[in-house]
Amino acid sequence: MNKIQITPESGFRVLSSTSRSQVATMVIPPGGSTGGPNNKHAASDQWLYVLSGEGEATVNGKEIRFHPGTLLLIESGETHEIRNLGNEPLETLNIYAPPAY
């Protein structure tokens, strides 16, 4: 068992990993983005849960808007970019299976 206190900080931070999964937080400032047309996890699914903020993901060329409470699955091999469209930091909790980092 592993208990983790989640306190999102600027940027990307891996919180914990096992051989089968990994959890991380990501904070993107207003107007910022991460990823792009070549960004993908070849062998890992990424579950992205929006804690706060408003944003948009482009996954394999398809745009998806999201807000707090949204859970987005980015499957292994899918290219993706995450953008903050709001005026506050975009905070997400990300689970990778198997670990990506």
PDB file of N, CA and C in Angstrom:
ATOM      1  N   MET A   1       0.847  -1.172   0.000  1.00  0.00           N
ATOM      2  CA  MET A   1       0.000   0.000   0.000  1.00  0.00           C
ATOM      3  C   MET A   1       0.892   1.234   0.000  1.00  0.00           C
ATOM      4  N   ASN A   2       0.391   2.288  -0.661  1.00  0.00           N
ATOM      5  CA  ASN A   2       1.123   3.540  -0.731  1.00  0.00           C
ATOM      6  C   ASN A   2       0.116   4.683  -0.687  1.00  0.00           C
ATOM      7  N   LYS A   3       0.227   5.539   0.314  1.00  0.00           N
ATOM      8  CA  LYS A   3      -0.656   6.701   0.435  1.00  0.00           C
ATOM      9  C   LYS A   3       0.121   7.937  -0.006  1.00  0.00           C
ATOM     10  N   ILE A   4      -0.509   8.752  -0.868  1.00  0.00           N
ATOM     11  CA  ILE A   4       0.159   9.932  -1.409  1.00  0.00           C
ATOM     12  C   ILE A   4      -0.716  11.159  -1.173  1.00  0.00           C
ATOM     13  N   GLN A   5      -0.120  12.218  -0.691  1.00  0.00           N
ATOM     14  CA  GLN A   5      -0.810  13.500  -0.580  1.00  0.00           C
ATOM     15  C   GLN A   5      -0.590  14.241  -1.887  1.00  0.00           C
ATOM     16  N   ILE A   6      -1.673  14.599  -2.577  1.00  0.00           N
ATOM     17  CA  ILE A   6      -1.554  15.249  -3.877  1.00  0.00           C
ATOM     18  C   ILE A   6      -1.586  16.759  -3.693  1.00  0.00           C
ATOM     19  N   THR A   7      -0.466  17.396  -4.054  1.00  0.00           N
ATOM     20  CA  THR A   7      -0.345  18.841  -4.034  1.00  0.00           C
ATOM     21  C   THR A   7       0.272  19.253  -5.360  1.00  0.00           C
ATOM     22  N   PRO A   8      -0.573  19.561  -6.361  1.00  0.00           N
ATOM     23  CA  PRO A   8      -0.030  19.910  -7.672  1.00  0.00           C
ATOM     24  C   PRO A   8       0.924  21.103  -7.602  1.00  0.00           C
ATOM     25  N   GLU A   9       2.049  20.982  -8.288  1.00  0.00           N
ATOM     26  CA  GLU A   9       3.050  22.039  -8.383  1.00  0.00           C
ATOM     27  C   GLU A   9       3.260  22.365  -9.850  1.00  0.00           C
ATOM     28  N   SER A  10       3.917  23.467 -10.123  1.00  0.00           N
ATOM     29  CA  SER A  10       4.169  23.860 -11.510  1.00  0.00           C
ATOM     30  C   SER A  10       4.866  22.752 -12.278  1.00  0.00           C
ATOM     31  N   GLY A  11       4.466  22.591 -13.531  1.00  0.00           N
ATOM     32  CA  GLY A  11       5.094  21.616 -14.386  1.00  0.00           C
ATOM     33  C   GLY A  11       4.567  20.210 -14.188  1.00  0.00           C
ATOM     34  N   PHE A  12       5.395  19.238 -14.530  1.00  0.00           N
ATOM     35  CA  PHE A  12       5.043  17.823 -14.483  1.00  0.00           C
ATOM     36  C   PHE A  12       5.843  17.170 -13.367  1.00  0.00           C
ATOM     37  N   ARG A  13       5.174  16.353 -12.546  1.00  0.00           N
ATOM     38  CA  ARG A  13       5.867  15.694 -11.441  1.00  0.00           C
ATOM     39  C   ARG A  13       5.315  14.292 -11.238  1.00  0.00           C
ATOM     40  N   VAL A  14       6.185  13.290 -11.360  1.00  0.00           N
ATOM     41  CA  VAL A  14       5.806  11.906 -11.058  1.00  0.00           C
ATOM     42  C   VAL A  14       5.733  11.762  -9.549  1.00  0.00           C
ATOM     43  N   LEU A  15       4.589  11.252  -9.060  1.00  0.00           N
ATOM     44  CA  LEU A  15       4.392  11.091  -7.618  1.00  0.00           C
ATOM     45  C   LEU A  15       4.802   9.716  -7.121  1.00  0.00           C
ATOM     46  N   SER A  16       4.489   8.678  -7.904  1.00  0.00           N
ATOM     47  CA  SER A  16       4.790   7.316  -7.481  1.00  0.00           C
ATOM     48  C   SER A  16       4.670   6.367  -8.673  1.00  0.00           C
ATOM     49  N   SER A  17       5.375   5.242  -8.581  1.00  0.00           N
ATOM     50  CA  SER A  17       5.343   4.231  -9.643  1.00  0.00           C
ATOM     51  C   SER A  17       5.419   2.840  -9.051  1.00  0.00           C
ATOM     52  N   THR A  18       4.839   1.904  -9.793  1.00  0.00           N
ATOM     53  CA  THR A  18       5.065   0.482  -9.547  1.00  0.00           C
ATOM     54  C   THR A  18       5.505  -0.083 -10.890  1.00  0.00           C
ATOM     55  N   SER A  19       5.680  -1.375 -10.966  1.00  0.00           N
ATOM     56  CA  SER A  19       6.064  -1.971 -12.250  1.00  0.00           C
ATOM     57  C   SER A  19       4.907  -1.946 -13.252  1.00  0.00           C
ATOM     58  N   ARG A  20       3.668  -1.722 -12.763  1.00  0.00           N
ATOM     59  CA  ARG A  20       2.491  -1.782 -13.629  1.00  0.00           C
ATOM     60  C   ARG A  20       1.825  -0.435 -13.897  1.00  0.00           C
ATOM     61  N   SER A  21       2.085   0.582 -13.055  1.00  0.00           N
ATOM     62  CA  SER A  21       1.403   1.864 -13.237  1.00  0.00           C
ATOM     63  C   SER A  21       2.217   2.999 -12.627  1.00  0.00           C
ATOM     64  N   GLN A  22       1.770   4.216 -12.933  1.00  0.00           N
ATOM     65  CA  GLN A  22       2.475   5.401 -12.475  1.00  0.00           C
ATOM     66  C   GLN A  22       1.474   6.538 -12.338  1.00  0.00           C
ATOM     67  N   VAL A  23       1.662   7.407 -11.347  1.00  0.00           N
ATOM     68  CA  VAL A  23       0.785   8.555 -11.168  1.00  0.00           C
ATOM     69  C   VAL A  23       1.630   9.826 -11.126  1.00  0.00           C
ATOM     70  N   ALA A  24       1.097  10.887 -11.753  1.00  0.00           N
ATOM     71  CA  ALA A  24       1.812  12.161 -11.828  1.00  0.00           C
ATOM     72  C   ALA A  24       0.812  13.308 -11.810  1.00  0.00           C
ATOM     73  N   THR A  25       1.289  14.483 -11.438  1.00  0.00           N
ATOM     74  CA  THR A  25       0.486  15.691 -11.562  1.00  0.00           C
ATOM     75  C   THR A  25       1.100  16.556 -12.656  1.00  0.00           C
ATOM     76  N   MET A  26       0.251  17.377 -13.250  1.00  0.00           N
ATOM     77  CA  MET A  26       0.709  18.308 -14.277  1.00  0.00           C
ATOM     78  C   MET A  26      -0.029  19.620 -14.058  1.00  0.00           C
ATOM     79  N   VAL A  27       0.721  20.720 -14.059  1.00  0.00           N
ATOM     80  CA  VAL A  27       0.136  22.048 -13.939  1.00  0.00           C
ATOM     81  C   VAL A  27       0.633  22.873 -15.117  1.00  0.00           C
ATOM     82  N   ILE A  28      -0.330  23.373 -15.912  1.00  0.00           N
ATOM     83  CA  ILE A  28      -0.014  24.177 -17.089  1.00  0.00           C
ATOM     84  C   ILE A  28      -0.528  25.592 -16.837  1.00  0.00           C
ATOM     85  N   PRO A  29       0.329  26.608 -16.986  1.00  0.00           N
ATOM     86  CA  PRO A  29      -0.112  27.983 -16.741  1.00  0.00           C
ATOM     87  C   PRO A  29      -1.087  28.461 -17.815  1.00  0.00           C
ATOM     88  N   PRO A  30      -1.842  29.532 -17.533  1.00  0.00           N
ATOM     89  CA  PRO A  30      -2.764  30.083 -18.535  1.00  0.00           C
ATOM     90  C   PRO A  30      -2.038  30.351 -19.860  1.00  0.00           C
ATOM     91  N   GLY A  31      -2.644  29.902 -20.946  1.00  0.00           N
ATOM     92  CA  GLY A  31      -2.055  30.079 -22.270  1.00  0.00           C
ATOM     93  C   GLY A  31      -0.979  29.079 -22.621  1.00  0.00           C
ATOM     94  N   GLY A  32      -0.596  28.225 -21.680  1.00  0.00           N
ATOM     95  CA  GLY A  32       0.468  27.254 -21.912  1.00  0.00           C
ATOM     96  C   GLY A  32      -0.034  25.959 -22.508  1.00  0.00           C
ATOM     97  N   SER A  33       0.907  25.135 -22.939  1.00  0.00           N
ATOM     98  CA  SER A  33       0.567  23.832 -23.499  1.00  0.00           C
ATOM     99  C   SER A  33       1.726  22.869 -23.290  1.00  0.00           C
ATOM    100  N   THR A  34       1.442  21.594 -23.497  1.00  0.00           N
ATOM    101  CA  THR A  34       2.460  20.560 -23.433  1.00  0.00           C
ATOM    102  C   THR A  34       2.140  19.502 -24.477  1.00  0.00           C
ATOM    103  N   GLY A  35       3.168  18.872 -24.984  1.00  0.00           N
ATOM    104  CA  GLY A  35       2.967  17.855 -26.022  1.00  0.00           C
ATOM    105  C   GLY A  35       3.007  18.475 -27.398  1.00  0.00           C
ATOM    106  N   GLY A  36       2.370  17.813 -28.350  1.00  0.00           N
ATOM    107  CA  GLY A  36       2.340  18.295 -29.726  1.00  0.00           C
ATOM    108  C   GLY A  36       2.124  17.159 -30.694  1.00  0.00           C
ATOM    109  N   PRO A  37       2.259  17.441 -31.985  1.00  0.00           N
ATOM    110  CA  PRO A  37       1.925  16.435 -33.000  1.00  0.00           C
ATOM    111  C   PRO A  37       2.803  15.189 -32.980  1.00  0.00           C
ATOM    112  N   ASN A  38       3.958  15.246 -32.321  1.00  0.00           N
ATOM    113  CA  ASN A  38       4.836  14.072 -32.239  1.00  0.00           C
ATOM    114  C   ASN A  38       4.868  13.457 -30.847  1.00  0.00           C
ATOM    115  N   ASN A  39       4.098  14.019 -29.909  1.00  0.00           N
ATOM    116  CA  ASN A  39       4.099  13.528 -28.531  1.00  0.00           C
ATOM    117  C   ASN A  39       3.172  12.330 -28.391  1.00  0.00           C
ATOM    118  N   LYS A  40       3.729  11.201 -27.965  1.00  0.00           N
ATOM    119  CA  LYS A  40       2.923  10.009 -27.716  1.00  0.00           C
ATOM    120  C   LYS A  40       3.667   9.086 -26.767  1.00  0.00           C
ATOM    121  N   HIS A  41       2.920   8.221 -26.136  1.00  0.00           N
ATOM    122  CA  HIS A  41       3.484   7.199 -25.260  1.00  0.00           C
ATOM    123  C   HIS A  41       3.281   5.876 -25.991  1.00  0.00           C
ATOM    124  N   ALA A  42       4.339   5.368 -26.552  1.00  0.00           N
ATOM    125  CA  ALA A  42       4.249   4.205 -27.437  1.00  0.00           C
ATOM    126  C   ALA A  42       3.683   2.960 -26.756  1.00  0.00           C
ATOM    127  N   ALA A  43       3.933   2.816 -25.455  1.00  0.00           N
ATOM    128  CA  ALA A  43       3.525   1.574 -24.787  1.00  0.00           C
ATOM    129  C   ALA A  43       2.634   1.800 -23.570  1.00  0.00           C
ATOM    130  N   SER A  44       2.192   3.034 -23.334  1.00  0.00           N
ATOM    131  CA  SER A  44       1.409   3.329 -22.127  1.00  0.00           C
ATOM    132  C   SER A  44       0.124   4.067 -22.438  1.00  0.00           C
ATOM    133  N   ASP A  45      -0.963   3.657 -21.783  1.00  0.00           N
ATOM    134  CA  ASP A  45      -2.194   4.445 -21.782  1.00  0.00           C
ATOM    135  C   ASP A  45      -2.027   5.560 -20.756  1.00  0.00           C
ATOM    136  N   GLN A  46      -2.616   6.717 -21.031  1.00  0.00           N
ATOM    137  CA  GLN A  46      -2.600   7.833 -20.090  1.00  0.00           C
ATOM    138  C   GLN A  46      -4.033   8.226 -19.762  1.00  0.00           C
ATOM    139  N   TRP A  47      -4.378   8.145 -18.480  1.00  0.00           N
ATOM    140  CA  TRP A  47      -5.659   8.646 -17.987  1.00  0.00           C
ATOM    141  C   TRP A  47      -5.386  10.023 -17.423  1.00  0.00           C
ATOM    142  N   LEU A  48      -6.064  11.044 -17.922  1.00  0.00           N
ATOM    143  CA  LEU A  48      -5.878  12.418 -17.480  1.00  0.00           C
ATOM    144  C   LEU A  48      -7.169  12.891 -16.820  1.00  0.00           C
ATOM    145  N   TYR A  49      -7.090  13.220 -15.516  1.00  0.00           N
ATOM    146  CA  TYR A  49      -8.245  13.696 -14.762  1.00  0.00           C
ATOM    147  C   TYR A  49      -8.034  15.171 -14.449  1.00  0.00           C
ATOM    148  N   VAL A  50      -8.995  16.019 -14.817  1.00  0.00           N
ATOM    149  CA  VAL A  50      -8.871  17.458 -14.629  1.00  0.00           C
ATOM    150  C   VAL A  50      -9.326  17.819 -13.213  1.00  0.00           C
ATOM    151  N   LEU A  51      -8.384  18.336 -12.422  1.00  0.00           N
ATOM    152  CA  LEU A  51      -8.666  18.775 -11.057  1.00  0.00           C
ATOM    153  C   LEU A  51      -9.219  20.201 -11.043  1.00  0.00           C
ATOM    154  N   SER A  52      -8.598  21.092 -11.828  1.00  0.00           N
ATOM    155  CA  SER A  52      -9.055  22.478 -11.907  1.00  0.00           C
ATOM    156  C   SER A  52      -8.573  23.099 -13.207  1.00  0.00           C
ATOM    157  N   GLY A  53      -9.301  24.115 -13.659  1.00  0.00           N
ATOM    158  CA  GLY A  53      -8.944  24.813 -14.887  1.00  0.00           C
ATOM    159  C   GLY A  53      -9.769  24.341 -16.072  1.00  0.00           C
ATOM    160  N   GLU A  54      -9.568  25.022 -17.180  1.00  0.00           N
ATOM    161  CA  GLU A  54     -10.281  24.730 -18.433  1.00  0.00           C
ATOM    162  C   GLU A  54      -9.249  24.503 -19.519  1.00  0.00           C
ATOM    163  N   GLY A  55      -9.513  23.556 -20.390  1.00  0.00           N
ATOM    164  CA  GLY A  55      -8.534  23.311 -21.429  1.00  0.00           C
ATOM    165  C   GLY A  55      -9.081  22.546 -22.603  1.00  0.00           C
ATOM    166  N   GLU A  56      -8.137  22.165 -23.448  1.00  0.00           N
ATOM    167  CA  GLU A  56      -8.463  21.427 -24.664  1.00  0.00           C
ATOM    168  C   GLU A  56      -7.315  20.466 -24.954  1.00  0.00           C
ATOM    169  N   ALA A  57      -7.678  19.281 -25.392  1.00  0.00           N
ATOM    170  CA  ALA A  57      -6.693  18.296 -25.832  1.00  0.00           C
ATOM    171  C   ALA A  57      -6.895  18.056 -27.321  1.00  0.00           C
ATOM    172  N   THR A  58      -5.800  17.911 -28.027  1.00  0.00           N
ATOM    173  CA  THR A  58      -5.854  17.432 -29.399  1.00  0.00           C
ATOM    174  C   THR A  58      -5.252  16.036 -29.375  1.00  0.00           C
ATOM    175  N   VAL A  59      -6.087  15.033 -29.648  1.00  0.00           N
ATOM    176  CA  VAL A  59      -5.669  13.632 -29.617  1.00  0.00           C
ATOM    177  C   VAL A  59      -5.883  13.055 -31.006  1.00  0.00           C
ATOM    178  N   ASN A  60      -4.774  12.658 -31.645  1.00  0.00           N
ATOM    179  CA  ASN A  60      -4.827  12.155 -33.023  1.00  0.00           C
ATOM    180  C   ASN A  60      -5.588  13.104 -33.945  1.00  0.00           C
ATOM    181  N   GLY A  61      -5.380  14.420 -33.745  1.00  0.00           N
ATOM    182  CA  GLY A  61      -5.995  15.423 -34.605  1.00  0.00           C
ATOM    183  C   GLY A  61      -7.399  15.847 -34.210  1.00  0.00           C
ATOM    184  N   LYS A  62      -7.997  15.181 -33.221  1.00  0.00           N
ATOM    185  CA  LYS A  62      -9.354  15.520 -32.784  1.00  0.00           C
ATOM    186  C   LYS A  62      -9.293  16.390 -31.529  1.00  0.00           C
ATOM    187  N   GLU A  63     -10.017  17.521 -31.543  1.00  0.00           N
ATOM    188  CA  GLU A  63     -10.015  18.438 -30.402  1.00  0.00           C
ATOM    189  C   GLU A  63     -11.123  18.085 -29.416  1.00  0.00           C
ATOM    190  N   ILE A  64     -10.761  18.081 -28.123  1.00  0.00           N
ATOM    191  CA  ILE A  64     -11.687  17.722 -27.057  1.00  0.00           C
ATOM    192  C   ILE A  64     -11.562  18.772 -25.961  1.00  0.00           C
ATOM    193  N   ARG A  65     -12.645  19.483 -25.651  1.00  0.00           N
ATOM    194  CA  ARG A  65     -12.655  20.466 -24.555  1.00  0.00           C
ATOM    195  C   ARG A  65     -12.880  19.734 -23.242  1.00  0.00           C
ATOM    196  N   PHE A  66     -12.307  20.272 -22.150  1.00  0.00           N
ATOM    197  CA  PHE A  66     -12.514  19.669 -20.851  1.00  0.00           C
ATOM    198  C   PHE A  66     -12.511  20.707 -19.744  1.00  0.00           C
ATOM    199  N   HIS A  67     -13.018  20.298 -18.581  1.00  0.00           N
ATOM    200  CA  HIS A  67     -13.170  21.150 -17.404  1.00  0.00           C
ATOM    201  C   HIS A  67     -13.038  20.258 -16.177  1.00  0.00           C
ATOM    202  N   PRO A  68     -13.049  20.831 -14.954  1.00  0.00           N
ATOM    203  CA  PRO A  68     -12.909  19.995 -13.760  1.00  0.00           C
ATOM    204  C   PRO A  68     -13.915  18.846 -13.730  1.00  0.00           C
ATOM    205  N   GLY A  69     -13.401  17.683 -13.382  1.00  0.00           N
ATOM    206  CA  GLY A  69     -14.237  16.489 -13.322  1.00  0.00           C
ATOM    207  C   GLY A  69     -14.162  15.631 -14.572  1.00  0.00           C
ATOM    208  N   THR A  70     -13.527  16.136 -15.633  1.00  0.00           N
ATOM    209  CA  THR A  70     -13.383  15.367 -16.868  1.00  0.00           C
ATOM    210  C   THR A  70     -12.280  14.325 -16.708  1.00  0.00           C
ATOM    211  N   LEU A  71     -12.549  13.115 -17.180  1.00  0.00           N
ATOM    212  CA  LEU A  71     -11.559  12.044 -17.230  1.00  0.00           C
ATOM    213  C   LEU A  71     -11.359  11.682 -18.693  1.00  0.00           C
ATOM    214  N   LEU A  72     -10.134  11.817 -19.180  1.00  0.00           N
ATOM    215  CA  LEU A  72      -9.814  11.591 -20.586  1.00  0.00           C
ATOM    216  C   LEU A  72      -8.821  10.445 -20.699  1.00  0.00           C
ATOM    217  N   LEU A  73      -9.118   9.490 -21.564  1.00  0.00           N
ATOM    218  CA  LEU A  73      -8.183   8.395 -21.844  1.00  0.00           C
ATOM    219  C   LEU A  73      -7.455   8.692 -23.142  1.00  0.00           C
ATOM    220  N   ILE A  74      -6.124   8.732 -23.066  1.00  0.00           N
ATOM    221  CA  ILE A  74      -5.267   8.847 -24.242  1.00  0.00           C
ATOM    222  C   ILE A  74      -4.569   7.498 -24.361  1.00  0.00           C
ATOM    223  N   GLU A  75      -4.960   6.733 -25.367  1.00  0.00           N
ATOM    224  CA  GLU A  75      -4.437   5.368 -25.488  1.00  0.00           C
ATOM    225  C   GLU A  75      -3.016   5.359 -26.029  1.00  0.00           C
ATOM    226  N   SER A  76      -2.296   4.287 -25.728  1.00  0.00           N
ATOM    227  CA  SER A  76      -0.909   4.171 -26.172  1.00  0.00           C
ATOM    228  C   SER A  76      -0.826   4.380 -27.685  1.00  0.00           C
ATOM    229  N   GLY A  77       0.175   5.151 -28.088  1.00  0.00           N
ATOM    230  CA  GLY A  77       0.395   5.426 -29.504  1.00  0.00           C
ATOM    231  C   GLY A  77      -0.358   6.627 -30.046  1.00  0.00           C
ATOM    232  N   GLU A  78      -1.337   7.174 -29.298  1.00  0.00           N
ATOM    233  CA  GLU A  78      -2.080   8.338 -29.784  1.00  0.00           C
ATOM    234  C   GLU A  78      -1.261   9.606 -29.550  1.00  0.00           C
ATOM    235  N   THR A  79      -1.107  10.419 -30.602  1.00  0.00           N
ATOM    236  CA  THR A  79      -0.421  11.696 -30.443  1.00  0.00           C
ATOM    237  C   THR A  79      -1.340  12.646 -29.690  1.00  0.00           C
ATOM    238  N   HIS A  80      -0.725  13.531 -28.869  1.00  0.00           N
ATOM    239  CA  HIS A  80      -1.567  14.421 -28.083  1.00  0.00           C
ATOM    240  C   HIS A  80      -0.848  15.694 -27.644  1.00  0.00           C
ATOM    241  N   GLU A  81      -1.662  16.740 -27.502  1.00  0.00           N
ATOM    242  CA  GLU A  81      -1.227  18.021 -26.949  1.00  0.00           C
ATOM    243  C   GLU A  81      -2.317  18.485 -25.990  1.00  0.00           C
ATOM    244  N   ILE A  82      -1.914  19.031 -24.850  1.00  0.00           N
ATOM    245  CA  ILE A  82      -2.844  19.542 -23.842  1.00  0.00           C
ATOM    246  C   ILE A  82      -2.609  21.048 -23.731  1.00  0.00           C
ATOM    247  N   ARG A  83      -3.687  21.842 -23.809  1.00  0.00           N
ATOM    248  CA  ARG A  83      -3.590  23.300 -23.746  1.00  0.00           C
ATOM    249  C   ARG A  83      -4.486  23.857 -22.642  1.00  0.00           C
ATOM    250  N   ASN A  84      -3.993  24.874 -21.959  1.00  0.00           N
ATOM    251  CA  ASN A  84      -4.779  25.592 -20.963  1.00  0.00           C
ATOM    252  C   ASN A  84      -5.457  26.760 -21.671  1.00  0.00           C
ATOM    253  N   LEU A  85      -6.783  26.751 -21.713  1.00  0.00           N
ATOM    254  CA  LEU A  85      -7.545  27.804 -22.376  1.00  0.00           C
ATOM    255  C   LEU A  85      -8.112  28.822 -21.387  1.00  0.00           C
ATOM    256  N   GLY A  86      -7.892  28.600 -20.098  1.00  0.00           N
ATOM    257  CA  GLY A  86      -8.484  29.460 -19.083  1.00  0.00           C
ATOM    258  C   GLY A  86      -7.540  30.518 -18.560  1.00  0.00           C
ATOM    259  N   ASN A  87      -8.004  31.222 -17.524  1.00  0.00           N
ATOM    260  CA  ASN A  87      -7.232  32.288 -16.886  1.00  0.00           C
ATOM    261  C   ASN A  87      -6.549  31.828 -15.604  1.00  0.00           C
ATOM    262  N   GLU A  88      -6.714  30.567 -15.247  1.00  0.00           N
ATOM    263  CA  GLU A  88      -6.107  29.984 -14.051  1.00  0.00           C
ATOM    264  C   GLU A  88      -5.275  28.774 -14.459  1.00  0.00           C
ATOM    265  N   PRO A  89      -4.361  28.332 -13.591  1.00  0.00           N
ATOM    266  CA  PRO A  89      -3.587  27.131 -13.924  1.00  0.00           C
ATOM    267  C   PRO A  89      -4.499  25.927 -14.184  1.00  0.00           C
ATOM    268  N   LEU A  90      -4.114  25.108 -15.132  1.00  0.00           N
ATOM    269  CA  LEU A  90      -4.794  23.849 -15.425  1.00  0.00           C
ATOM    270  C   LEU A  90      -4.063  22.767 -14.637  1.00  0.00           C
ATOM    271  N   GLU A  91      -4.772  22.121 -13.698  1.00  0.00           N
ATOM    272  CA  GLU A  91      -4.168  21.091 -12.857  1.00  0.00           C
ATOM    273  C   GLU A  91      -4.781  19.743 -13.187  1.00  0.00           C
ATOM    274  N   THR A  92      -3.934  18.753 -13.474  1.00  0.00           N
ATOM    275  CA  THR A  92      -4.416  17.421 -13.808  1.00  0.00           C
ATOM    276  C   THR A  92      -3.685  16.360 -12.996  1.00  0.00           C
ATOM    277  N   LEU A  93      -4.368  15.246 -12.824  1.00  0.00           N
ATOM    278  CA  LEU A  93      -3.799  14.040 -12.244  1.00  0.00           C
ATOM    279  C   LEU A  93      -3.727  13.037 -13.389  1.00  0.00           C
ATOM    280  N   ASN A  94      -2.565  12.433 -13.589  1.00  0.00           N
ATOM    281  CA  ASN A  94      -2.338  11.544 -14.728  1.00  0.00           C
ATOM    282  C   ASN A  94      -1.901  10.168 -14.244  1.00  0.00           C
ATOM    283  N   ILE A  95      -2.541   9.138 -14.794  1.00  0.00           N
ATOM    284  CA  ILE A  95      -2.165   7.764 -14.468  1.00  0.00           C
ATOM    285  C   ILE A  95      -1.726   7.088 -15.752  1.00  0.00           C
ATOM    286  N   TYR A  96      -0.544   6.491 -15.708  1.00  0.00           N
ATOM    287  CA  TYR A  96       0.027   5.803 -16.863  1.00  0.00           C
ATOM    288  C   TYR A  96       0.107   4.308 -16.562  1.00  0.00           C
ATOM    289  N   ALA A  97      -0.318   3.512 -17.533  1.00  0.00           N
ATOM    290  CA  ALA A  97      -0.258   2.060 -17.369  1.00  0.00           C
ATOM    291  C   ALA A  97       0.184   1.425 -18.682  1.00  0.00           C
ATOM    292  N   PRO A  98       1.339   0.768 -18.675  1.00  0.00           N
ATOM    293  CA  PRO A  98       2.373   0.744 -17.656  1.00  0.00           C
ATOM    294  C   PRO A  98       3.085   2.103 -17.558  1.00  0.00           C
ATOM    295  N   PRO A  99       4.033   2.269 -16.624  1.00  0.00           N
ATOM    296  CA  PRO A  99       4.710   3.556 -16.463  1.00  0.00           C
ATOM    297  C   PRO A  99       5.300   4.082 -17.764  1.00  0.00           C
ATOM    298  N   ALA A 100       5.221   5.402 -17.934  1.00  0.00           N
ATOM    299  CA  ALA A 100       5.757   6.054 -19.130  1.00  0.00           C
ATOM    300  C   ALA A 100       7.034   6.824 -18.837  1.00  0.00           C
ATOM    301  N   TYR A 101       7.283   7.132 -17.566  1.00  0.00           N
ATOM    302  CA  TYR A 101       8.441   7.969 -17.195  1.00  0.00           C
ATOM    303  C   TYR A 101       9.272   7.298 -16.123  1.00  0.00           C
TER     304      TYR A 101
END
